[in-house]
Amino acid sequence: MDYPSVTQIINEFADYSMVSTMNFNLSISRGNVVHKHCLAIARGLTVPELNGEAQGYVQSFQKWIDYVKPEIIAVEPEVKNDKFGYIGHPDLIYKKNEQVYLMDIKTGQTPCWTWIIQLAAYYYCDLPNNPISAVEILSPHPFGDIPRVFRYSRDSINKAYSIFINMLNVYRYKNSKEWMPR
């Protein structure tokens, strides 16, 4: 059985109707470029200088790397939850001061309700001995300033995971066609 991704499941419920199609597509494009370059930096690769809108975000991420000096454990690993049948790809798993963090990078500057749900789904994937101490969103600054990091409490993660499981159940039902009249 193919497992749906966390993003597929959440996107069934996310409402982007308030964003124009052009702005939405530009945001997706910018996010893809920023992710590609930030994850290359996390892998220790040399990244060519960027021009344009993505440049500040990537510089901001580099400032975080230089300041925090995280020990990168994994970059975009595939994680899965066999009990509930889904997969995901968090951006980073890193270690700092004996604590292990699961992080996703978001270019949006305003926290979104889907962020914590996505992190909760990743957190509850089948990780060996689930070493994760905390989950975070890193929001790079568009002009290269220090990024914001949003860390979520265990209580928040548990509540969000309960919501994610409900979303997963609705996603499965909707895509099963069991609801179709016979």
N, C-alpha and C. Protein backbone atom coordinates (compact mmCIF):
# COMPACT_ATOMS: atom_id res chain seq x y z
N MET A 1 0.84 -1.18 0.00
CA MET A 1 0.00 0.00 0.00
C MET A 1 0.89 1.25 0.00
N ASP A 2 0.56 2.19 -0.88
CA ASP A 2 1.27 3.46 -0.91
C ASP A 2 0.77 4.33 0.23
N TYR A 3 1.71 4.90 0.97
CA TYR A 3 1.35 5.79 2.06
C TYR A 3 1.23 7.22 1.53
N PRO A 4 0.19 7.94 1.94
CA PRO A 4 0.13 9.36 1.57
C PRO A 4 1.15 10.15 2.38
N SER A 5 1.56 11.28 1.84
CA SER A 5 2.51 12.12 2.57
C SER A 5 1.76 13.06 3.52
N VAL A 6 2.45 13.50 4.54
CA VAL A 6 1.89 14.45 5.49
C VAL A 6 1.40 15.69 4.75
N THR A 7 2.18 16.17 3.80
CA THR A 7 1.81 17.36 3.04
C THR A 7 0.54 17.13 2.23
N GLN A 8 0.42 15.97 1.58
CA GLN A 8 -0.81 15.66 0.82
C GLN A 8 -2.03 15.72 1.72
N ILE A 9 -1.90 15.13 2.88
CA ILE A 9 -3.03 15.06 3.81
C ILE A 9 -3.43 16.46 4.28
N ILE A 10 -2.46 17.24 4.72
CA ILE A 10 -2.74 18.58 5.23
C ILE A 10 -3.28 19.49 4.13
N ASN A 11 -2.74 19.36 2.92
CA ASN A 11 -3.19 20.22 1.82
C ASN A 11 -4.66 20.02 1.46
N GLU A 12 -5.23 18.87 1.84
CA GLU A 12 -6.67 18.66 1.62
C GLU A 12 -7.51 19.63 2.45
N PHE A 13 -6.91 20.18 3.51
CA PHE A 13 -7.65 21.02 4.46
C PHE A 13 -7.19 22.47 4.47
N ALA A 14 -6.03 22.75 3.89
CA ALA A 14 -5.49 24.11 3.89
C ALA A 14 -6.27 24.96 2.89
N ASP A 15 -6.54 26.17 3.28
CA ASP A 15 -7.31 27.08 2.42
C ASP A 15 -6.39 28.23 1.98
N TYR A 16 -6.05 28.23 0.71
CA TYR A 16 -5.19 29.28 0.16
C TYR A 16 -6.01 30.23 -0.73
N SER A 17 -7.32 30.21 -0.59
CA SER A 17 -8.18 30.99 -1.47
C SER A 17 -7.98 32.50 -1.30
N MET A 18 -7.47 32.93 -0.15
CA MET A 18 -7.28 34.36 0.07
C MET A 18 -6.02 34.89 -0.62
N VAL A 19 -5.22 34.00 -1.19
CA VAL A 19 -3.99 34.38 -1.89
C VAL A 19 -4.25 34.25 -3.39
N SER A 20 -3.87 35.28 -4.13
CA SER A 20 -4.07 35.21 -5.58
C SER A 20 -3.23 34.07 -6.16
N THR A 21 -3.68 33.52 -7.25
CA THR A 21 -2.96 32.42 -7.90
C THR A 21 -1.53 32.81 -8.22
N MET A 22 -1.34 34.04 -8.71
CA MET A 22 0.00 34.49 -9.07
C MET A 22 0.89 34.56 -7.83
N ASN A 23 0.40 35.16 -6.74
CA ASN A 23 1.19 35.25 -5.51
C ASN A 23 1.45 33.87 -4.92
N PHE A 24 0.46 33.00 -4.99
CA PHE A 24 0.63 31.64 -4.47
C PHE A 24 1.73 30.91 -5.24
N ASN A 25 1.69 31.01 -6.57
CA ASN A 25 2.71 30.35 -7.39
C ASN A 25 4.09 30.94 -7.17
N LEU A 26 4.17 32.26 -7.00
CA LEU A 26 5.46 32.90 -6.70
C LEU A 26 5.99 32.43 -5.35
N SER A 27 5.10 32.32 -4.37
CA SER A 27 5.51 31.84 -3.04
C SER A 27 6.03 30.41 -3.09
N ILE A 28 5.35 29.56 -3.84
CA ILE A 28 5.79 28.17 -4.00
C ILE A 28 7.17 28.13 -4.65
N SER A 29 7.33 28.90 -5.71
CA SER A 29 8.61 28.94 -6.43
C SER A 29 9.73 29.44 -5.53
N ARG A 30 9.48 30.54 -4.81
CA ARG A 30 10.48 31.07 -3.88
C ARG A 30 10.81 30.04 -2.80
N GLY A 31 9.79 29.43 -2.24
CA GLY A 31 10.01 28.43 -1.20
C GLY A 31 10.86 27.27 -1.68
N ASN A 32 10.62 26.82 -2.91
CA ASN A 32 11.41 25.71 -3.47
C ASN A 32 12.88 26.10 -3.62
N VAL A 33 13.14 27.32 -4.11
CA VAL A 33 14.53 27.78 -4.27
C VAL A 33 15.20 27.91 -2.91
N VAL A 34 14.50 28.52 -1.95
CA VAL A 34 15.05 28.71 -0.61
C VAL A 34 15.35 27.35 0.02
N HIS A 35 14.41 26.43 -0.05
CA HIS A 35 14.63 25.09 0.53
C HIS A 35 15.84 24.41 -0.10
N LYS A 36 15.92 24.44 -1.40
CA LYS A 36 17.02 23.78 -2.10
C LYS A 36 18.37 24.31 -1.60
N HIS A 37 18.48 25.63 -1.50
CA HIS A 37 19.75 26.22 -1.08
C HIS A 37 20.02 26.03 0.42
N CYS A 38 19.02 26.17 1.24
CA CYS A 38 19.20 25.99 2.69
C CYS A 38 19.59 24.55 3.01
N LEU A 39 18.94 23.60 2.37
CA LEU A 39 19.25 22.20 2.64
C LEU A 39 20.63 21.83 2.10
N ALA A 40 21.05 22.46 1.02
CA ALA A 40 22.42 22.25 0.53
C ALA A 40 23.42 22.77 1.55
N ILE A 41 23.14 23.93 2.15
CA ILE A 41 24.01 24.47 3.20
C ILE A 41 24.05 23.50 4.37
N ALA A 42 22.90 22.98 4.77
CA ALA A 42 22.84 22.03 5.90
C ALA A 42 23.65 20.77 5.60
N ARG A 43 23.72 20.39 4.33
CA ARG A 43 24.51 19.22 3.93
C ARG A 43 26.00 19.54 3.85
N GLY A 44 26.36 20.80 4.05
CA GLY A 44 27.76 21.20 3.99
C GLY A 44 28.26 21.48 2.59
N LEU A 45 27.35 21.65 1.65
CA LEU A 45 27.74 21.92 0.26
C LEU A 45 27.94 23.41 0.05
N THR A 46 28.77 23.74 -0.91
CA THR A 46 28.95 25.13 -1.29
C THR A 46 27.78 25.56 -2.15
N VAL A 47 27.19 26.67 -1.80
CA VAL A 47 26.02 27.16 -2.51
C VAL A 47 26.39 28.43 -3.26
N PRO A 48 26.07 28.48 -4.55
CA PRO A 48 26.38 29.69 -5.31
C PRO A 48 25.59 30.89 -4.79
N GLU A 49 26.16 32.06 -4.93
CA GLU A 49 25.49 33.30 -4.52
C GLU A 49 24.17 33.43 -5.29
N LEU A 50 23.15 33.79 -4.58
CA LEU A 50 21.83 33.99 -5.19
C LEU A 50 21.58 35.47 -5.41
N ASN A 51 20.85 35.79 -6.42
CA ASN A 51 20.33 37.14 -6.61
C ASN A 51 18.83 37.03 -6.59
N GLY A 52 18.19 38.09 -6.21
CA GLY A 52 16.74 38.07 -6.24
C GLY A 52 16.12 37.81 -4.89
N GLU A 53 14.85 37.49 -4.94
CA GLU A 53 14.03 37.39 -3.74
C GLU A 53 14.50 36.34 -2.74
N ALA A 54 15.03 35.24 -3.20
CA ALA A 54 15.44 34.15 -2.30
C ALA A 54 16.73 34.45 -1.54
N GLN A 55 17.52 35.39 -2.01
CA GLN A 55 18.84 35.65 -1.45
C GLN A 55 18.81 35.94 0.06
N GLY A 56 17.92 36.82 0.49
CA GLY A 56 17.85 37.18 1.91
C GLY A 56 17.49 36.00 2.79
N TYR A 57 16.57 35.18 2.34
CA TYR A 57 16.17 33.99 3.11
C TYR A 57 17.35 33.05 3.32
N VAL A 58 18.11 32.84 2.27
CA VAL A 58 19.25 31.92 2.35
C VAL A 58 20.34 32.51 3.24
N GLN A 59 20.59 33.80 3.14
CA GLN A 59 21.56 34.46 4.02
C GLN A 59 21.12 34.34 5.48
N SER A 60 19.83 34.49 5.72
CA SER A 60 19.29 34.37 7.06
C SER A 60 19.51 32.96 7.61
N PHE A 61 19.25 31.95 6.79
CA PHE A 61 19.48 30.57 7.21
C PHE A 61 20.97 30.35 7.53
N GLN A 62 21.84 30.91 6.70
CA GLN A 62 23.29 30.77 6.93
C GLN A 62 23.67 31.40 8.27
N LYS A 63 23.05 32.52 8.63
CA LYS A 63 23.31 33.14 9.93
C LYS A 63 22.92 32.20 11.06
N TRP A 64 21.80 31.51 10.90
CA TRP A 64 21.38 30.55 11.93
C TRP A 64 22.40 29.43 12.05
N ILE A 65 22.84 28.88 10.92
CA ILE A 65 23.86 27.81 10.93
C ILE A 65 25.13 28.29 11.62
N ASP A 66 25.59 29.49 11.26
CA ASP A 66 26.83 30.03 11.83
C ASP A 66 26.71 30.28 13.33
N TYR A 67 25.54 30.72 13.78
CA TYR A 67 25.35 31.03 15.19
C TYR A 67 25.10 29.77 16.04
N VAL A 68 24.20 28.91 15.58
CA VAL A 68 23.81 27.73 16.36
C VAL A 68 24.86 26.61 16.25
N LYS A 69 25.48 26.50 15.09
CA LYS A 69 26.44 25.43 14.81
C LYS A 69 25.85 24.05 15.14
N PRO A 70 24.71 23.75 14.50
CA PRO A 70 24.05 22.47 14.80
C PRO A 70 24.85 21.28 14.24
N GLU A 71 24.77 20.17 14.93
CA GLU A 71 25.32 18.91 14.40
C GLU A 71 24.18 18.28 13.59
N ILE A 72 24.29 18.34 12.28
CA ILE A 72 23.23 17.86 11.42
C ILE A 72 23.21 16.33 11.44
N ILE A 73 22.08 15.76 11.79
CA ILE A 73 21.91 14.30 11.82
C ILE A 73 21.33 13.82 10.50
N ALA A 74 20.33 14.55 9.99
CA ALA A 74 19.68 14.14 8.73
C ALA A 74 19.09 15.36 8.05
N VAL A 75 19.15 15.36 6.72
CA VAL A 75 18.55 16.41 5.90
C VAL A 75 17.49 15.74 5.03
N GLU A 76 16.28 16.19 5.15
CA GLU A 76 15.12 15.66 4.43
C GLU A 76 15.02 14.13 4.45
N PRO A 77 15.12 13.54 5.65
CA PRO A 77 14.97 12.08 5.69
C PRO A 77 13.52 11.69 5.43
N GLU A 78 13.33 10.52 4.86
CA GLU A 78 11.96 10.02 4.75
C GLU A 78 11.64 9.33 6.06
N VAL A 79 10.58 9.78 6.69
CA VAL A 79 10.12 9.17 7.94
C VAL A 79 8.72 8.62 7.68
N LYS A 80 8.38 7.55 8.38
CA LYS A 80 7.04 6.99 8.16
C LYS A 80 6.45 6.49 9.46
N ASN A 81 5.15 6.39 9.43
CA ASN A 81 4.41 5.86 10.55
C ASN A 81 3.62 4.66 10.02
N ASP A 82 4.10 3.47 10.34
CA ASP A 82 3.45 2.25 9.85
C ASP A 82 2.13 1.98 10.56
N LYS A 83 1.98 2.43 11.78
CA LYS A 83 0.74 2.20 12.51
C LYS A 83 -0.43 2.89 11.81
N PHE A 84 -0.23 4.14 11.40
CA PHE A 84 -1.30 4.89 10.76
C PHE A 84 -1.12 5.03 9.25
N GLY A 85 0.03 4.63 8.73
CA GLY A 85 0.23 4.58 7.29
C GLY A 85 0.40 5.91 6.59
N TYR A 86 1.44 6.64 6.94
CA TYR A 86 1.76 7.88 6.22
C TYR A 86 3.27 8.10 6.26
N ILE A 87 3.76 8.95 5.35
CA ILE A 87 5.18 9.28 5.29
C ILE A 87 5.35 10.80 5.35
N GLY A 88 6.57 11.21 5.62
CA GLY A 88 6.88 12.64 5.62
C GLY A 88 8.36 12.87 5.39
N HIS A 89 8.70 14.13 5.18
CA HIS A 89 10.09 14.52 4.93
C HIS A 89 10.40 15.81 5.69
N PRO A 90 10.70 15.72 6.99
CA PRO A 90 11.09 16.94 7.69
C PRO A 90 12.39 17.48 7.08
N ASP A 91 12.58 18.78 7.17
CA ASP A 91 13.77 19.37 6.56
C ASP A 91 15.06 18.98 7.26
N LEU A 92 15.07 19.06 8.59
CA LEU A 92 16.31 18.78 9.34
C LEU A 92 16.03 18.02 10.62
N ILE A 93 16.95 17.17 10.97
CA ILE A 93 17.05 16.64 12.32
C ILE A 93 18.48 16.99 12.73
N TYR A 94 18.60 17.72 13.84
CA TYR A 94 19.94 18.14 14.26
C TYR A 94 20.09 18.02 15.77
N LYS A 95 21.34 18.09 16.20
CA LYS A 95 21.67 17.96 17.62
C LYS A 95 22.41 19.21 18.07
N LYS A 96 22.07 19.66 19.27
CA LYS A 96 22.75 20.79 19.89
C LYS A 96 22.67 20.60 21.39
N ASN A 97 23.82 20.62 22.06
CA ASN A 97 23.87 20.45 23.53
C ASN A 97 23.14 19.19 23.99
N GLU A 98 23.39 18.09 23.32
CA GLU A 98 22.81 16.78 23.66
C GLU A 98 21.30 16.69 23.45
N GLN A 99 20.70 17.71 22.88
CA GLN A 99 19.27 17.69 22.57
C GLN A 99 19.12 17.48 21.06
N VAL A 100 18.10 16.71 20.67
CA VAL A 100 17.85 16.44 19.25
C VAL A 100 16.57 17.19 18.84
N TYR A 101 16.68 17.91 17.74
CA TYR A 101 15.59 18.75 17.26
C TYR A 101 15.13 18.30 15.88
N LEU A 102 13.83 18.37 15.67
CA LEU A 102 13.24 18.13 14.36
C LEU A 102 12.77 19.50 13.88
N MET A 103 13.21 19.88 12.68
CA MET A 103 12.94 21.23 12.19
C MET A 103 12.39 21.22 10.77
N ASP A 104 11.50 22.15 10.51
CA ASP A 104 11.04 22.41 9.16
C ASP A 104 11.29 23.89 8.88
N ILE A 105 11.60 24.21 7.65
CA ILE A 105 11.88 25.58 7.23
C ILE A 105 10.65 26.11 6.50
N LYS A 106 10.19 27.27 6.91
CA LYS A 106 9.03 27.90 6.28
C LYS A 106 9.38 29.34 5.93
N THR A 107 9.17 29.71 4.68
CA THR A 107 9.48 31.08 4.27
C THR A 107 8.39 32.07 4.64
N GLY A 108 7.23 31.58 5.03
CA GLY A 108 6.18 32.47 5.50
C GLY A 108 6.62 33.17 6.78
N GLN A 109 6.22 34.41 6.94
CA GLN A 109 6.63 35.18 8.11
C GLN A 109 5.58 35.18 9.22
N THR A 110 4.41 34.68 8.91
CA THR A 110 3.33 34.59 9.90
C THR A 110 3.05 33.11 10.16
N PRO A 111 3.12 32.69 11.43
CA PRO A 111 2.84 31.27 11.71
C PRO A 111 1.47 30.85 11.18
N CYS A 112 1.42 29.64 10.68
CA CYS A 112 0.21 29.07 10.10
C CYS A 112 -0.23 27.87 10.94
N TRP A 113 -1.52 27.68 11.04
CA TRP A 113 -2.05 26.56 11.86
C TRP A 113 -1.57 25.21 11.38
N THR A 114 -1.21 25.09 10.11
CA THR A 114 -0.77 23.79 9.59
C THR A 114 0.64 23.42 10.02
N TRP A 115 1.45 24.39 10.41
CA TRP A 115 2.85 24.12 10.74
C TRP A 115 2.99 23.10 11.87
N ILE A 116 2.29 23.35 12.96
CA ILE A 116 2.42 22.46 14.12
C ILE A 116 1.83 21.07 13.82
N ILE A 117 0.79 21.03 13.01
CA ILE A 117 0.20 19.74 12.64
C ILE A 117 1.20 18.93 11.82
N GLN A 118 1.88 19.59 10.90
CA GLN A 118 2.90 18.92 10.09
C GLN A 118 4.03 18.40 10.99
N LEU A 119 4.51 19.24 11.89
CA LEU A 119 5.59 18.82 12.80
C LEU A 119 5.15 17.66 13.70
N ALA A 120 3.92 17.71 14.19
CA ALA A 120 3.41 16.65 15.05
C ALA A 120 3.37 15.32 14.30
N ALA A 121 2.95 15.36 13.04
CA ALA A 121 2.92 14.13 12.24
C ALA A 121 4.33 13.57 12.07
N TYR A 122 5.29 14.44 11.81
CA TYR A 122 6.69 13.98 11.70
C TYR A 122 7.18 13.42 13.03
N TYR A 123 6.87 14.12 14.11
CA TYR A 123 7.33 13.71 15.44
C TYR A 123 6.88 12.29 15.78
N TYR A 124 5.66 11.94 15.38
CA TYR A 124 5.13 10.63 15.71
C TYR A 124 5.42 9.56 14.66
N CYS A 125 6.36 9.83 13.80
CA CYS A 125 6.81 8.78 12.88
C CYS A 125 7.72 7.81 13.61
N ASP A 126 7.98 6.68 12.97
CA ASP A 126 8.75 5.61 13.59
C ASP A 126 10.24 5.94 13.53
N LEU A 127 10.71 6.74 14.47
CA LEU A 127 12.12 7.07 14.58
C LEU A 127 12.73 6.16 15.64
N PRO A 128 13.91 5.61 15.40
CA PRO A 128 14.52 4.72 16.39
C PRO A 128 14.63 5.39 17.76
N ASN A 129 13.97 4.83 18.75
CA ASN A 129 13.95 5.34 20.12
C ASN A 129 13.46 6.79 20.23
N ASN A 130 12.78 7.25 19.21
CA ASN A 130 12.31 8.65 19.10
C ASN A 130 13.16 9.60 19.94
N PRO A 131 14.32 9.96 19.39
CA PRO A 131 15.26 10.79 20.14
C PRO A 131 14.91 12.28 20.16
N ILE A 132 13.81 12.68 19.55
CA ILE A 132 13.49 14.10 19.38
C ILE A 132 13.14 14.75 20.71
N SER A 133 13.88 15.81 21.04
CA SER A 133 13.64 16.58 22.26
C SER A 133 12.62 17.69 22.04
N ALA A 134 12.66 18.28 20.85
CA ALA A 134 11.77 19.40 20.55
C ALA A 134 11.57 19.50 19.04
N VAL A 135 10.47 20.16 18.67
CA VAL A 135 10.20 20.40 17.25
C VAL A 135 10.16 21.90 17.03
N GLU A 136 10.66 22.32 15.85
CA GLU A 136 10.80 23.74 15.58
C GLU A 136 10.48 24.07 14.12
N ILE A 137 10.05 25.29 13.93
CA ILE A 137 9.96 25.88 12.60
C ILE A 137 11.01 26.98 12.56
N LEU A 138 11.81 26.99 11.49
CA LEU A 138 12.73 28.08 11.26
C LEU A 138 12.16 28.92 10.13
N SER A 139 11.97 30.19 10.41
CA SER A 139 11.42 31.12 9.42
C SER A 139 12.53 32.13 9.06
N PRO A 140 13.24 31.87 7.96
CA PRO A 140 14.32 32.79 7.57
C PRO A 140 13.76 34.18 7.25
N HIS A 141 14.55 35.19 7.55
CA HIS A 141 14.14 36.56 7.31
C HIS A 141 14.33 36.90 5.83
N PRO A 142 13.35 37.55 5.21
CA PRO A 142 13.44 37.82 3.76
C PRO A 142 14.58 38.75 3.36
N PHE A 143 15.09 39.55 4.32
CA PHE A 143 16.18 40.48 3.99
C PHE A 143 17.51 40.07 4.61
N GLY A 144 17.60 38.81 5.04
CA GLY A 144 18.87 38.29 5.53
C GLY A 144 19.16 38.50 7.00
N ASP A 145 18.20 39.05 7.75
CA ASP A 145 18.40 39.22 9.18
C ASP A 145 18.30 37.87 9.89
N ILE A 146 18.47 37.88 11.18
CA ILE A 146 18.40 36.66 11.98
C ILE A 146 17.00 36.05 11.83
N PRO A 147 16.92 34.74 11.58
CA PRO A 147 15.60 34.10 11.40
C PRO A 147 14.87 33.94 12.73
N ARG A 148 13.58 33.76 12.63
CA ARG A 148 12.79 33.44 13.82
C ARG A 148 12.69 31.93 13.92
N VAL A 149 12.73 31.43 15.14
CA VAL A 149 12.55 30.00 15.38
C VAL A 149 11.37 29.86 16.33
N PHE A 150 10.40 29.05 15.88
CA PHE A 150 9.21 28.77 16.68
C PHE A 150 9.35 27.36 17.23
N ARG A 151 9.38 27.21 18.54
CA ARG A 151 9.48 25.90 19.17
C ARG A 151 8.13 25.59 19.81
N TYR A 152 7.68 24.35 19.64
CA TYR A 152 6.36 23.96 20.13
C TYR A 152 6.49 23.01 21.32
N SER A 153 5.58 23.17 22.27
CA SER A 153 5.58 22.33 23.48
C SER A 153 5.05 20.93 23.16
N ARG A 154 5.35 19.99 24.03
CA ARG A 154 4.84 18.62 23.87
C ARG A 154 3.32 18.60 23.90
N ASP A 155 2.74 19.39 24.79
CA ASP A 155 1.29 19.45 24.88
C ASP A 155 0.69 19.91 23.55
N SER A 156 1.28 20.93 22.96
CA SER A 156 0.81 21.43 21.66
C SER A 156 0.97 20.37 20.58
N ILE A 157 2.09 19.66 20.61
CA ILE A 157 2.35 18.61 19.63
C ILE A 157 1.30 17.50 19.76
N ASN A 158 1.01 17.10 20.99
CA ASN A 158 0.02 16.03 21.20
C ASN A 158 -1.37 16.44 20.71
N LYS A 159 -1.77 17.67 20.98
CA LYS A 159 -3.07 18.16 20.50
C LYS A 159 -3.09 18.20 18.98
N ALA A 160 -2.01 18.70 18.40
CA ALA A 160 -1.94 18.79 16.94
C ALA A 160 -1.95 17.41 16.29
N TYR A 161 -1.32 16.44 16.94
CA TYR A 161 -1.29 15.09 16.37
C TYR A 161 -2.68 14.48 16.36
N SER A 162 -3.44 14.74 17.39
CA SER A 162 -4.83 14.27 17.42
C SER A 162 -5.61 14.84 16.24
N ILE A 163 -5.39 16.10 15.95
CA ILE A 163 -6.04 16.73 14.79
C ILE A 163 -5.55 16.09 13.50
N PHE A 164 -4.24 15.84 13.41
CA PHE A 164 -3.69 15.23 12.19
C PHE A 164 -4.33 13.85 11.95
N ILE A 165 -4.48 13.05 12.98
CA ILE A 165 -5.08 11.71 12.81
C ILE A 165 -6.51 11.83 12.30
N ASN A 166 -7.25 12.82 12.79
CA ASN A 166 -8.59 13.05 12.25
C ASN A 166 -8.54 13.46 10.78
N MET A 167 -7.59 14.31 10.43
CA MET A 167 -7.42 14.71 9.03
C MET A 167 -7.08 13.50 8.16
N LEU A 168 -6.21 12.65 8.67
CA LEU A 168 -5.82 11.44 7.95
C LEU A 168 -7.04 10.54 7.70
N ASN A 169 -7.88 10.38 8.71
CA ASN A 169 -9.08 9.55 8.56
C ASN A 169 -10.03 10.14 7.51
N VAL A 170 -10.22 11.45 7.53
CA VAL A 170 -11.09 12.08 6.53
C VAL A 170 -10.45 11.95 5.15
N TYR A 171 -9.15 12.17 5.06
CA TYR A 171 -8.43 12.03 3.78
C TYR A 171 -8.63 10.62 3.21
N ARG A 172 -8.47 9.62 4.05
CA ARG A 172 -8.63 8.23 3.59
C ARG A 172 -10.07 7.96 3.14
N TYR A 173 -11.01 8.41 3.93
CA TYR A 173 -12.42 8.18 3.59
C TYR A 173 -12.77 8.86 2.27
N LYS A 174 -12.37 10.10 2.13
CA LYS A 174 -12.65 10.87 0.92
C LYS A 174 -12.05 10.19 -0.31
N ASN A 175 -10.84 9.67 -0.18
CA ASN A 175 -10.15 9.06 -1.32
C ASN A 175 -10.50 7.58 -1.52
N SER A 176 -11.26 7.00 -0.61
CA SER A 176 -11.63 5.58 -0.73
C SER A 176 -12.82 5.38 -1.65
N LYS A 177 -13.61 6.39 -1.81
CA LYS A 177 -14.85 6.34 -2.58
C LYS A 177 -15.91 5.47 -1.90
N GLU A 178 -15.68 5.09 -0.64
CA GLU A 178 -16.69 4.33 0.11
C GLU A 178 -17.98 5.13 0.27
N TRP A 179 -17.88 6.42 0.19
CA TRP A 179 -19.03 7.29 0.37
C TRP A 179 -19.93 7.34 -0.85
N MET A 180 -19.47 6.81 -1.96
CA MET A 180 -20.24 6.84 -3.20
C MET A 180 -21.49 5.95 -3.09
N PRO A 181 -22.63 6.43 -3.58
CA PRO A 181 -23.84 5.56 -3.58
C PRO A 181 -23.61 4.34 -4.45
N ARG A 182 -24.21 3.26 -4.09
CA ARG A 182 -24.07 2.03 -4.87
C ARG A 182 -25.35 1.72 -5.60
